[in-house]
């Protein structure tokens, strides 16, 4: 394992560590209750974010609405899949009918030629 030959000087350490600075967090006021809140986070006092109730702490919060929205989206996707499958099945049926009609026509032509 590598070991330094000489001790690092205090000035060298200080210049290296000069960039280690504590920064002030971005703080804003909640639009609903006026409490100071970290930027881009839910208010810990009232549970609102950008004027909407998103936490259980807020009195207006309704979890059912979100679950209903998710259920609606999933049902929409499922119906789209079903309709596309039905359309594909219809196309296949039409193709099968056309090929069977063509075969019967060819057989009829052969019989008339004989």
C-alpha atoms as a PDB file:
ATOM      1  CA  UNK A   1       0.000   0.000   0.000  1.00  0.00           C
ATOM      2  CA  UNK A   2       1.292   3.467  -0.856  1.00  0.00           C
ATOM      3  CA  UNK A   3       2.438   5.660   2.021  1.00  0.00           C
ATOM      4  CA  UNK A   4       3.265   9.362   1.610  1.00  0.00           C
ATOM      5  CA  UNK A   5       6.954  10.235   2.191  1.00  0.00           C
ATOM      6  CA  UNK A   6       6.219  13.636   3.720  1.00  0.00           C
ATOM      7  CA  UNK A   7       3.423  15.189   5.688  1.00  0.00           C
ATOM      8  CA  UNK A   8       0.965  17.443   3.760  1.00  0.00           C
ATOM      9  CA  UNK A   9       1.355  21.063   4.782  1.00  0.00           C
ATOM     10  CA  UNK A  10      -1.390  23.058   6.474  1.00  0.00           C
ATOM     11  CA  UNK A  11      -1.596  25.505   3.566  1.00  0.00           C
ATOM     12  CA  UNK A  12      -2.086  22.690   1.038  1.00  0.00           C
ATOM     13  CA  UNK A  13      -4.816  21.166   3.218  1.00  0.00           C
ATOM     14  CA  UNK A  14      -6.545  24.521   3.608  1.00  0.00           C
ATOM     15  CA  UNK A  15      -6.533  25.228  -0.136  1.00  0.00           C
ATOM     16  CA  UNK A  16      -7.941  21.773  -0.844  1.00  0.00           C
ATOM     17  CA  UNK A  17     -10.681  22.175   1.757  1.00  0.00           C
ATOM     18  CA  UNK A  18     -11.551  25.733   0.752  1.00  0.00           C
ATOM     19  CA  UNK A  19     -14.428  24.432  -1.370  1.00  0.00           C
ATOM     20  CA  UNK A  20     -16.084  22.587   1.542  1.00  0.00           C
ATOM     21  CA  UNK A  21     -18.765  25.130   2.304  1.00  0.00           C
ATOM     22  CA  UNK A  22     -22.141  24.900   3.924  1.00  0.00           C
ATOM     23  CA  UNK A  23     -24.864  26.285   1.662  1.00  0.00           C
ATOM     24  CA  UNK A  24     -28.126  27.863   2.700  1.00  0.00           C
ATOM     25  CA  UNK A  25     -31.132  25.754   1.750  1.00  0.00           C
ATOM     26  CA  UNK A  26     -33.685  27.400  -0.526  1.00  0.00           C
ATOM     27  CA  UNK A  27     -36.631  28.337   1.690  1.00  0.00           C
ATOM     28  CA  UNK A  28     -40.055  29.627   0.618  1.00  0.00           C
ATOM     29  CA  UNK A  29     -43.384  30.327   2.268  1.00  0.00           C
ATOM     30  CA  UNK A  30     -46.302  27.932   1.980  1.00  0.00           C
ATOM     31  CA  UNK A  31     -49.058  29.350  -0.226  1.00  0.00           C
ATOM     32  CA  UNK A  32     -51.742  27.774   1.962  1.00  0.00           C
ATOM     33  CA  UNK A  33     -50.661  28.390   5.577  1.00  0.00           C
ATOM     34  CA  UNK A  34     -47.692  30.757   5.268  1.00  0.00           C
ATOM     35  CA  UNK A  35     -45.172  28.542   7.107  1.00  0.00           C
ATOM     36  CA  UNK A  36     -41.553  28.492   5.928  1.00  0.00           C
ATOM     37  CA  UNK A  37     -40.890  25.408   3.836  1.00  0.00           C
ATOM     38  CA  UNK A  38     -37.948  23.999   1.888  1.00  0.00           C
ATOM     39  CA  UNK A  39     -38.370  24.731  -1.813  1.00  0.00           C
ATOM     40  CA  UNK A  40     -40.058  22.013  -3.912  1.00  0.00           C
ATOM     41  CA  UNK A  41     -41.277  20.035  -0.893  1.00  0.00           C
ATOM     42  CA  UNK A  42     -44.645  19.396   0.747  1.00  0.00           C
ATOM     43  CA  UNK A  43     -45.475  21.715   3.651  1.00  0.00           C
ATOM     44  CA  UNK A  44     -44.935  19.877   6.938  1.00  0.00           C
ATOM     45  CA  UNK A  45     -47.507  22.059   8.693  1.00  0.00           C
ATOM     46  CA  UNK A  46     -50.559  21.746   6.462  1.00  0.00           C
ATOM     47  CA  UNK A  47     -49.705  19.035   3.865  1.00  0.00           C
ATOM     48  CA  UNK A  48     -50.185  21.194   0.753  1.00  0.00           C
ATOM     49  CA  UNK A  49     -47.906  21.463  -2.283  1.00  0.00           C
ATOM     50  CA  UNK A  50     -48.454  24.116  -4.974  1.00  0.00           C
ATOM     51  CA  UNK A  51     -51.934  24.834  -3.623  1.00  0.00           C
ATOM     52  CA  UNK A  52     -53.088  21.186  -3.754  1.00  0.00           C
ATOM     53  CA  UNK A  53     -53.734  18.814  -0.859  1.00  0.00           C
ATOM     54  CA  UNK A  54     -51.201  15.995  -1.225  1.00  0.00           C
ATOM     55  CA  UNK A  55     -50.641  14.790   2.326  1.00  0.00           C
ATOM     56  CA  UNK A  56     -52.846  13.045   4.858  1.00  0.00           C
ATOM     57  CA  UNK A  57     -52.250  16.017   7.173  1.00  0.00           C
ATOM     58  CA  UNK A  58     -54.407  18.267   5.006  1.00  0.00           C
ATOM     59  CA  UNK A  59     -58.155  18.324   5.674  1.00  0.00           C
ATOM     60  CA  UNK A  60     -59.045  18.333   1.943  1.00  0.00           C
ATOM     61  CA  UNK A  61     -56.946  15.256   1.083  1.00  0.00           C
ATOM     62  CA  UNK A  62     -58.850  12.491  -0.689  1.00  0.00           C
ATOM     63  CA  UNK A  63     -56.972   9.306  -1.427  1.00  0.00           C
ATOM     64  CA  UNK A  64     -59.948   7.772  -3.228  1.00  0.00           C
ATOM     65  CA  UNK A  65     -59.712  10.253  -6.097  1.00  0.00           C
ATOM     66  CA  UNK A  66     -56.159   9.241  -6.908  1.00  0.00           C
ATOM     67  CA  UNK A  67     -56.974   5.545  -6.813  1.00  0.00           C
ATOM     68  CA  UNK A  68     -60.005   6.139  -9.027  1.00  0.00           C
ATOM     69  CA  UNK A  69     -57.864   8.044 -11.541  1.00  0.00           C
ATOM     70  CA  UNK A  70     -55.356   5.205 -11.655  1.00  0.00           C
ATOM     71  CA  UNK A  71     -58.184   2.683 -12.082  1.00  0.00           C
ATOM     72  CA  UNK A  72     -59.631   4.724 -14.963  1.00  0.00           C
ATOM     73  CA  UNK A  73     -56.260   4.826 -16.715  1.00  0.00           C
ATOM     74  CA  UNK A  74     -55.793   1.074 -16.388  1.00  0.00           C
ATOM     75  CA  UNK A  75     -59.296   0.377 -17.714  1.00  0.00           C
ATOM     76  CA  UNK A  76     -58.665   2.687 -20.673  1.00  0.00           C
ATOM     77  CA  UNK A  77     -55.474   0.791 -21.494  1.00  0.00           C
ATOM     78  CA  UNK A  78     -57.259  -2.541 -21.154  1.00  0.00           C
ATOM     79  CA  UNK A  79     -60.096  -1.480 -23.474  1.00  0.00           C
ATOM     80  CA  UNK A  80     -57.573  -0.246 -26.043  1.00  0.00           C
ATOM     81  CA  UNK A  81     -55.869  -3.627 -25.979  1.00  0.00           C
ATOM     82  CA  UNK A  82     -59.195  -5.431 -26.316  1.00  0.00           C
ATOM     83  CA  UNK A  83     -60.315  -3.291 -29.254  1.00  0.00           C
ATOM     84  CA  UNK A  84     -57.034  -3.795 -31.075  1.00  0.00           C
ATOM     85  CA  UNK A  85     -57.238  -7.546 -30.520  1.00  0.00           C
ATOM     86  CA  UNK A  86     -60.821  -7.588 -31.815  1.00  0.00           C
ATOM     87  CA  UNK A  87     -59.830  -5.589 -34.884  1.00  0.00           C
ATOM     88  CA  UNK A  88     -56.937  -7.966 -35.582  1.00  0.00           C
ATOM     89  CA  UNK A  89     -59.264 -10.963 -35.231  1.00  0.00           C
ATOM     90  CA  UNK A  90     -61.728  -9.400 -37.698  1.00  0.00           C
ATOM     91  CA  UNK A  91     -58.954  -8.777 -40.215  1.00  0.00           C
ATOM     92  CA  UNK A  92     -57.817 -12.383 -39.915  1.00  0.00           C
ATOM     93  CA  UNK A  93     -61.394 -13.613 -40.427  1.00  0.00           C
ATOM     94  CA  UNK A  94     -61.776 -11.486 -43.543  1.00  0.00           C
ATOM     95  CA  UNK A  95     -58.496 -12.823 -44.923  1.00  0.00           C
ATOM     96  CA  UNK A  96     -59.591 -16.394 -44.234  1.00  0.00           C
ATOM     97  CA  UNK A  97     -62.907 -15.771 -46.008  1.00  0.00           C
ATOM     98  CA  UNK A  98     -61.161 -14.281 -49.048  1.00  0.00           C
ATOM     99  CA  UNK A  99     -58.793 -17.226 -49.353  1.00  0.00           C
ATOM    100  CA  UNK A 100     -61.651 -19.731 -49.055  1.00  0.00           C
ATOM    101  CA  UNK A 101     -63.623 -17.827 -51.733  1.00  0.00           C
ATOM    102  CA  UNK A 102     -60.600 -17.797 -54.032  1.00  0.00           C
ATOM    103  CA  UNK A 103     -60.146 -21.551 -53.595  1.00  0.00           C
ATOM    104  CA  UNK A 104     -63.784 -22.241 -54.467  1.00  0.00           C
ATOM    105  CA  UNK A 105     -63.506 -20.016 -57.567  1.00  0.00           C
ATOM    106  CA  UNK A 106     -60.388 -21.826 -58.724  1.00  0.00           C
ATOM    107  CA  UNK A 107     -62.095 -25.209 -58.258  1.00  0.00           C
ATOM    108  CA  UNK A 108     -65.153 -24.007 -60.181  1.00  0.00           C
ATOM    109  CA  UNK A 109     -62.960 -22.822 -63.068  1.00  0.00           C
ATOM    110  CA  UNK A 110     -61.143 -26.169 -63.181  1.00  0.00           C
ATOM    111  CA  UNK A 111     -64.431 -28.049 -63.356  1.00  0.00           C
ATOM    112  CA  UNK A 112     -65.720 -25.884 -66.216  1.00  0.00           C
ATOM    113  CA  UNK A 113     -62.492 -26.385 -68.177  1.00  0.00           C
ATOM    114  CA  UNK A 114     -62.725 -30.158 -67.918  1.00  0.00           C
END
